[in-house]
């Protein structure tokens, strides 16, 4: 599977947070989130392991009540079922891998 970023439609999952499902297989998926300055992904958990990389901007990430300020180039791993949230300190682009695939993030026609 090959994907051109400009061909993938973004969908707003919460106010100020856009998601693109870039590529996926049977057991993992690659996503891109754009988080606007002062926008937040509320505290939540899910059964997916999640590895992230901050491509640009600054992000406050909280995992299991521990806060981390991420700068461009920083990365993280969030275990399955861990409570976590994120706030855009600046507008940022986040690349994340989920395993297994988050089916709710797949395009509706897939």
Protein backbone atom coordinates (compact mmCIF):
# COMPACT_ATOMS: atom_id res chain seq x y z
CA UNK A 1 0.00 0.00 0.00
CA UNK A 2 1.33 3.42 -0.98
CA UNK A 3 -0.25 6.72 0.04
CA UNK A 4 0.33 10.30 -1.01
CA UNK A 5 -0.24 12.59 1.95
CA UNK A 6 -2.00 15.22 -0.16
CA UNK A 7 -4.52 12.60 -1.35
CA UNK A 8 -5.56 11.58 2.18
CA UNK A 9 -8.51 13.49 3.61
CA UNK A 10 -8.28 14.83 7.14
CA UNK A 11 -11.18 14.46 9.53
CA UNK A 12 -11.66 16.47 12.71
CA UNK A 13 -11.89 14.06 15.65
CA UNK A 14 -12.25 16.77 18.31
CA UNK A 15 -12.31 20.55 17.90
CA UNK A 16 -8.92 21.66 16.53
CA UNK A 17 -7.57 18.13 16.07
CA UNK A 18 -7.35 16.66 12.57
CA UNK A 19 -6.58 13.03 11.76
CA UNK A 20 -5.26 11.39 8.61
CA UNK A 21 -5.06 7.59 8.37
CA UNK A 22 -1.94 7.34 6.20
CA UNK A 23 -1.29 3.60 5.85
CA UNK A 24 -2.36 0.40 7.57
CA UNK A 25 -1.98 -3.33 7.43
CA UNK A 26 -3.53 -6.19 9.35
CA UNK A 27 -1.85 -5.40 12.69
CA UNK A 28 -0.76 -1.75 12.71
CA UNK A 29 -1.52 1.66 11.25
CA UNK A 30 0.28 4.95 10.64
CA UNK A 31 -1.56 8.20 11.33
CA UNK A 32 -0.93 11.93 11.22
CA UNK A 33 -2.59 14.29 13.68
CA UNK A 34 -2.58 18.07 13.35
CA UNK A 35 -3.29 19.66 16.73
CA UNK A 36 -3.98 23.39 16.68
CA UNK A 37 -2.49 25.65 19.36
CA UNK A 38 -4.51 25.33 22.62
CA UNK A 39 -6.58 22.44 21.24
CA UNK A 40 -6.76 19.25 23.27
CA UNK A 41 -7.23 15.54 22.94
CA UNK A 42 -9.11 14.78 26.17
CA UNK A 43 -7.99 12.14 28.67
CA UNK A 44 -8.82 8.67 27.30
CA UNK A 45 -7.52 5.13 27.01
CA UNK A 46 -7.80 2.35 24.44
CA UNK A 47 -6.51 -1.19 23.97
CA UNK A 48 -4.01 -0.08 21.29
CA UNK A 49 -0.29 0.39 21.88
CA UNK A 50 0.74 3.78 20.50
CA UNK A 51 4.14 5.13 19.43
CA UNK A 52 4.40 8.80 18.50
CA UNK A 53 6.83 11.26 16.96
CA UNK A 54 6.42 15.04 17.05
CA UNK A 55 7.24 16.27 13.54
CA UNK A 56 6.69 19.96 14.32
CA UNK A 57 5.47 22.28 17.07
CA UNK A 58 5.28 21.74 20.83
CA UNK A 59 2.91 19.41 22.67
CA UNK A 60 2.05 18.72 26.29
CA UNK A 61 1.45 15.00 26.62
CA UNK A 62 0.14 13.46 29.84
CA UNK A 63 0.37 9.69 30.33
CA UNK A 64 -0.86 8.08 33.55
CA UNK A 65 -0.80 11.50 35.32
CA UNK A 66 2.81 12.23 34.26
CA UNK A 67 3.19 15.31 32.02
CA UNK A 68 5.84 15.63 29.32
CA UNK A 69 6.54 18.66 27.12
CA UNK A 70 7.49 17.36 23.67
CA UNK A 71 9.45 19.42 21.17
CA UNK A 72 9.85 18.68 17.46
CA UNK A 73 11.89 15.49 17.10
CA UNK A 74 10.78 13.94 20.41
CA UNK A 75 9.01 10.58 20.56
CA UNK A 76 7.06 8.41 23.02
CA UNK A 77 5.40 5.06 23.54
CA UNK A 78 2.05 4.77 25.31
CA UNK A 79 1.15 1.30 26.57
CA UNK A 80 -2.24 -0.23 25.80
CA UNK A 81 -4.97 0.87 28.23
CA UNK A 82 -2.89 3.76 29.68
CA UNK A 83 -4.86 6.96 30.29
CA UNK A 84 -3.42 9.85 28.28
CA UNK A 85 -4.20 13.28 26.83
CA UNK A 86 -2.51 15.96 24.71
CA UNK A 87 -2.62 19.75 24.39
CA UNK A 88 -1.07 21.74 21.56
CA UNK A 89 1.28 24.33 23.09
CA UNK A 90 1.89 25.37 19.49
CA UNK A 91 0.20 24.04 16.38
CA UNK A 92 1.82 20.65 15.86
CA UNK A 93 2.02 17.70 13.54
CA UNK A 94 2.17 14.32 15.28
CA UNK A 95 2.94 11.02 13.56
CA UNK A 96 1.64 7.98 15.43
CA UNK A 97 1.60 4.23 14.95
CA UNK A 98 -1.16 2.15 16.54
CA UNK A 99 -1.21 -1.60 17.06
CA UNK A 100 -3.62 -3.17 16.47
CA UNK A 101 -5.32 -1.05 13.79
CA UNK A 102 -7.79 1.52 15.14
CA UNK A 103 -10.71 0.63 12.92
CA UNK A 104 -12.60 3.80 13.89
CA UNK A 105 -9.77 5.82 12.27
CA UNK A 106 -10.00 4.08 8.90
CA UNK A 107 -11.63 5.95 6.03
CA UNK A 108 -15.32 5.07 5.82
CA UNK A 109 -14.94 3.36 2.46
CA UNK A 110 -12.18 0.96 3.59
